[in-house]
Amino acid sequence: MSDNPLRVTAALLVHNQKILIAQRNNTGRFANKWEFPGGKIDPGETPQECLQRELEEELGLTATIGNVFSETLYCHEQGEIRQYTYWASLLTPPTALRLSEHQAIAWVEPAELAHYEFAGADLAVAKLLQEQTISANAHIPCPHL
């Protein structure tokens, strides 16, 4: 494994007690899998800056990036991916959302996440989110933005 894992971000965008997930296009390693929106951190960029950039580029959204939800390490045959997942709050209306890198989106309750096939590091985040909301009486925890 690499000493320098690929660093990526993901957003838990909450709207009306539902979380935004996006389905990858039907090409590439994780074709048709679901993920929390985000992307690769560029050199010199903070995870929060990356997340704001990626949300704008991929979905046409602006958001306030809040507290970190989790940091996960995903290992695969080509190396490691360290994913920083943050709570985020929309500044643009959800109706302004546009797809450029994904084939579909869904707003889902945490209990519904089990019905979607997630890519790589997002699977661990989905499971952790489900566990936390089950223990908190099925409400999405306050993101402390």
C-alpha atoms as a PDB file:
ATOM      1  CA  MET A   1       0.000   0.000   0.000  1.00  0.00           C
ATOM      2  CA  SER A   2       1.028   3.586  -0.610  1.00  0.00           C
ATOM      3  CA  ASP A   3       2.425   5.812   2.124  1.00  0.00           C
ATOM      4  CA  ASN A   4       0.404   8.651   0.577  1.00  0.00           C
ATOM      5  CA  PRO A   5      -3.240   7.731   0.173  1.00  0.00           C
ATOM      6  CA  LEU A   6      -5.372   9.619  -2.312  1.00  0.00           C
ATOM      7  CA  ARG A   7      -7.253  12.266  -0.324  1.00  0.00           C
ATOM      8  CA  VAL A   8     -10.916  12.868  -1.152  1.00  0.00           C
ATOM      9  CA  THR A   9     -13.934  14.576   0.373  1.00  0.00           C
ATOM     10  CA  ALA A  10     -17.641  13.841   0.590  1.00  0.00           C
ATOM     11  CA  ALA A  11     -20.646  15.888   1.722  1.00  0.00           C
ATOM     12  CA  LEU A  12     -23.621  14.917   3.811  1.00  0.00           C
ATOM     13  CA  LEU A  13     -25.980  17.497   2.333  1.00  0.00           C
ATOM     14  CA  VAL A  14     -29.142  17.617   4.423  1.00  0.00           C
ATOM     15  CA  HIS A  15     -32.496  18.978   3.236  1.00  0.00           C
ATOM     16  CA  ASN A  16     -35.842  18.223   4.903  1.00  0.00           C
ATOM     17  CA  GLN A  17     -34.268  15.452   7.016  1.00  0.00           C
ATOM     18  CA  LYS A  18     -32.988  13.704   3.876  1.00  0.00           C
ATOM     19  CA  ILE A  19     -29.452  13.305   2.574  1.00  0.00           C
ATOM     20  CA  LEU A  20     -28.328  13.772  -1.021  1.00  0.00           C
ATOM     21  CA  ILE A  21     -26.698  10.805  -2.750  1.00  0.00           C
ATOM     22  CA  ALA A  22     -25.577  10.660  -6.371  1.00  0.00           C
ATOM     23  CA  GLN A  23     -25.215   7.760  -8.785  1.00  0.00           C
ATOM     24  CA  ARG A  24     -21.969   7.584 -10.728  1.00  0.00           C
ATOM     25  CA  ASN A  25     -22.042   7.302 -14.507  1.00  0.00           C
ATOM     26  CA  ASN A  26     -21.961   3.841 -16.055  1.00  0.00           C
ATOM     27  CA  THR A  27     -18.224   3.853 -16.818  1.00  0.00           C
ATOM     28  CA  GLY A  28     -15.142   3.376 -14.697  1.00  0.00           C
ATOM     29  CA  ARG A  29     -14.249   1.413 -11.605  1.00  0.00           C
ATOM     30  CA  PHE A  30     -17.363   2.281  -9.594  1.00  0.00           C
ATOM     31  CA  ALA A  31     -19.821   2.458 -12.506  1.00  0.00           C
ATOM     32  CA  ASN A  32     -23.464   2.891 -11.446  1.00  0.00           C
ATOM     33  CA  LYS A  33     -22.585   2.917  -7.736  1.00  0.00           C
ATOM     34  CA  TRP A  34     -23.966   5.531  -5.362  1.00  0.00           C
ATOM     35  CA  GLU A  35     -21.874   8.036  -3.430  1.00  0.00           C
ATOM     36  CA  PHE A  36     -22.028  11.127  -1.318  1.00  0.00           C
ATOM     37  CA  PRO A  37     -21.025  14.072  -3.541  1.00  0.00           C
ATOM     38  CA  GLY A  38     -17.413  15.209  -3.361  1.00  0.00           C
ATOM     39  CA  GLY A  39     -14.089  14.562  -5.022  1.00  0.00           C
ATOM     40  CA  LYS A  40     -10.301  14.618  -4.987  1.00  0.00           C
ATOM     41  CA  ILE A  41      -8.431  17.224  -2.974  1.00  0.00           C
ATOM     42  CA  ASP A  42      -6.100  19.264  -5.190  1.00  0.00           C
ATOM     43  CA  PRO A  43      -2.593  20.205  -3.973  1.00  0.00           C
ATOM     44  CA  GLY A  44      -2.723  23.236  -1.691  1.00  0.00           C
ATOM     45  CA  GLU A  45      -6.472  22.899  -1.190  1.00  0.00           C
ATOM     46  CA  THR A  46      -8.158  22.269   2.171  1.00  0.00           C
ATOM     47  CA  PRO A  47     -10.791  19.525   2.357  1.00  0.00           C
ATOM     48  CA  GLN A  48     -13.474  22.192   2.851  1.00  0.00           C
ATOM     49  CA  GLU A  49     -12.314  24.173  -0.202  1.00  0.00           C
ATOM     50  CA  CYS A  50     -12.297  20.964  -2.225  1.00  0.00           C
ATOM     51  CA  LEU A  51     -15.812  20.116  -1.189  1.00  0.00           C
ATOM     52  CA  GLN A  52     -17.145  23.557  -2.081  1.00  0.00           C
ATOM     53  CA  ARG A  53     -15.423  23.366  -5.493  1.00  0.00           C
ATOM     54  CA  GLU A  54     -16.633  19.844  -6.228  1.00  0.00           C
ATOM     55  CA  LEU A  55     -20.248  20.609  -5.274  1.00  0.00           C
ATOM     56  CA  GLU A  56     -20.209  23.593  -7.626  1.00  0.00           C
ATOM     57  CA  GLU A  57     -18.515  21.715 -10.502  1.00  0.00           C
ATOM     58  CA  GLU A  58     -20.504  18.475 -10.278  1.00  0.00           C
ATOM     59  CA  LEU A  59     -23.921  19.665  -9.083  1.00  0.00           C
ATOM     60  CA  GLY A  60     -24.048  23.439  -9.523  1.00  0.00           C
ATOM     61  CA  LEU A  61     -24.615  23.874  -5.788  1.00  0.00           C
ATOM     62  CA  THR A  62     -23.122  26.137  -3.170  1.00  0.00           C
ATOM     63  CA  ALA A  63     -23.058  25.008   0.431  1.00  0.00           C
ATOM     64  CA  THR A  64     -21.778  25.856   3.860  1.00  0.00           C
ATOM     65  CA  ILE A  65     -19.333  23.167   4.947  1.00  0.00           C
ATOM     66  CA  GLY A  66     -19.749  22.242   8.593  1.00  0.00           C
ATOM     67  CA  ASN A  67     -18.139  19.819  11.003  1.00  0.00           C
ATOM     68  CA  VAL A  68     -16.406  16.648   9.956  1.00  0.00           C
ATOM     69  CA  PHE A  69     -18.650  13.584  10.227  1.00  0.00           C
ATOM     70  CA  SER A  70     -16.017  10.922   9.618  1.00  0.00           C
ATOM     71  CA  GLU A  71     -12.600  10.133   8.256  1.00  0.00           C
ATOM     72  CA  THR A  72     -12.338   6.739   6.589  1.00  0.00           C
ATOM     73  CA  LEU A  73      -9.559   4.802   4.916  1.00  0.00           C
ATOM     74  CA  TYR A  74     -10.528   2.599   1.982  1.00  0.00           C
ATOM     75  CA  CYS A  75      -7.944   0.118   0.673  1.00  0.00           C
ATOM     76  CA  HIS A  76      -8.078  -1.407  -2.802  1.00  0.00           C
ATOM     77  CA  GLU A  77      -5.653  -3.044  -5.242  1.00  0.00           C
ATOM     78  CA  GLN A  78      -4.384   0.300  -6.622  1.00  0.00           C
ATOM     79  CA  GLY A  79      -3.774   1.900  -3.211  1.00  0.00           C
ATOM     80  CA  GLU A  80      -5.575   3.694  -0.428  1.00  0.00           C
ATOM     81  CA  ILE A  81      -8.196   6.421  -0.330  1.00  0.00           C
ATOM     82  CA  ARG A  82      -8.594   8.640   2.735  1.00  0.00           C
ATOM     83  CA  GLN A  83     -12.050  10.188   2.697  1.00  0.00           C
ATOM     84  CA  TYR A  84     -13.059  13.193   4.793  1.00  0.00           C
ATOM     85  CA  THR A  85     -16.844  13.437   5.067  1.00  0.00           C
ATOM     86  CA  TYR A  86     -18.429  16.698   6.229  1.00  0.00           C
ATOM     87  CA  TRP A  87     -21.895  17.874   7.118  1.00  0.00           C
ATOM     88  CA  ALA A  88     -23.022  20.516   4.641  1.00  0.00           C
ATOM     89  CA  SER A  89     -25.955  22.872   4.315  1.00  0.00           C
ATOM     90  CA  LEU A  90     -27.296  24.108   0.978  1.00  0.00           C
ATOM     91  CA  LEU A  91     -27.069  27.792   0.127  1.00  0.00           C
ATOM     92  CA  THR A  92     -28.744  27.289  -3.261  1.00  0.00           C
ATOM     93  CA  PRO A  93     -32.188  25.714  -3.595  1.00  0.00           C
ATOM     94  CA  PRO A  94     -32.235  21.964  -4.350  1.00  0.00           C
ATOM     95  CA  THR A  95     -34.170  22.755  -7.530  1.00  0.00           C
ATOM     96  CA  ALA A  96     -31.041  24.481  -8.902  1.00  0.00           C
ATOM     97  CA  LEU A  97     -29.146  21.192  -8.843  1.00  0.00           C
ATOM     98  CA  ARG A  98     -27.709  20.073 -12.210  1.00  0.00           C
ATOM     99  CA  LEU A  99     -25.892  16.852 -13.034  1.00  0.00           C
ATOM    100  CA  SER A 100     -22.571  16.905 -14.882  1.00  0.00           C
ATOM    101  CA  GLU A 101     -20.695  13.919 -13.414  1.00  0.00           C
ATOM    102  CA  HIS A 102     -23.573  11.707 -12.273  1.00  0.00           C
ATOM    103  CA  GLN A 103     -26.499   9.981 -13.943  1.00  0.00           C
ATOM    104  CA  ALA A 104     -28.979  10.361 -11.066  1.00  0.00           C
ATOM    105  CA  ILE A 105     -29.488  11.757  -7.590  1.00  0.00           C
ATOM    106  CA  ALA A 106     -31.774  10.861  -4.701  1.00  0.00           C
ATOM    107  CA  TRP A 107     -32.745  12.528  -1.440  1.00  0.00           C
ATOM    108  CA  VAL A 108     -33.003   9.682   1.069  1.00  0.00           C
ATOM    109  CA  GLU A 109     -33.579   9.105   4.746  1.00  0.00           C
ATOM    110  CA  PRO A 110     -30.692   7.388   6.545  1.00  0.00           C
ATOM    111  CA  ALA A 111     -32.736   4.185   6.932  1.00  0.00           C
ATOM    112  CA  GLU A 112     -33.046   4.012   3.129  1.00  0.00           C
ATOM    113  CA  LEU A 113     -29.273   4.038   2.524  1.00  0.00           C
ATOM    114  CA  ALA A 114     -29.174   0.229   2.835  1.00  0.00           C
ATOM    115  CA  HIS A 115     -31.173  -0.019  -0.420  1.00  0.00           C
ATOM    116  CA  TYR A 116     -28.383   1.575  -2.469  1.00  0.00           C
ATOM    117  CA  GLU A 117     -25.102   0.043  -3.635  1.00  0.00           C
ATOM    118  CA  PHE A 118     -22.369   2.452  -2.538  1.00  0.00           C
ATOM    119  CA  ALA A 119     -18.877   2.898  -3.953  1.00  0.00           C
ATOM    120  CA  GLY A 120     -15.722   2.288  -1.925  1.00  0.00           C
ATOM    121  CA  ALA A 121     -15.279   4.526   1.102  1.00  0.00           C
ATOM    122  CA  ASP A 122     -18.888   5.749   0.901  1.00  0.00           C
ATOM    123  CA  LEU A 123     -20.150   2.345   2.034  1.00  0.00           C
ATOM    124  CA  ALA A 124     -18.489   2.782   5.449  1.00  0.00           C
ATOM    125  CA  VAL A 125     -19.924   6.308   5.739  1.00  0.00           C
ATOM    126  CA  ALA A 126     -23.442   5.089   4.873  1.00  0.00           C
ATOM    127  CA  LYS A 127     -23.239   2.356   7.514  1.00  0.00           C
ATOM    128  CA  LEU A 128     -21.937   4.754  10.155  1.00  0.00           C
ATOM    129  CA  LEU A 129     -24.679   7.261   9.365  1.00  0.00           C
ATOM    130  CA  GLN A 130     -27.338   4.548   9.626  1.00  0.00           C
ATOM    131  CA  GLU A 131     -25.973   3.354  12.969  1.00  0.00           C
ATOM    132  CA  GLN A 132     -25.912   6.865  14.405  1.00  0.00           C
ATOM    133  CA  THR A 133     -29.430   7.743  13.284  1.00  0.00           C
ATOM    134  CA  ILE A 134     -30.835   4.456  14.582  1.00  0.00           C
ATOM    135  CA  SER A 135     -29.341   5.151  17.997  1.00  0.00           C
ATOM    136  CA  ALA A 136     -30.699   8.726  17.831  1.00  0.00           C
ATOM    137  CA  ASN A 137     -34.306   7.618  17.181  1.00  0.00           C
ATOM    138  CA  ALA A 138     -34.038   7.831  13.374  1.00  0.00           C
ATOM    139  CA  HIS A 139     -33.371  11.593  13.227  1.00  0.00           C
ATOM    140  CA  ILE A 140     -30.406  12.988  11.378  1.00  0.00           C
ATOM    141  CA  PRO A 141     -28.040  14.352  14.024  1.00  0.00           C
ATOM    142  CA  CYS A 142     -27.505  18.095  14.113  1.00  0.00           C
ATOM    143  CA  PRO A 143     -24.644  18.862  11.708  1.00  0.00           C
ATOM    144  CA  HIS A 144     -23.441  21.785  13.883  1.00  0.00           C
ATOM    145  CA  LEU A 145     -22.893  24.104  10.953  1.00  0.00           C
END
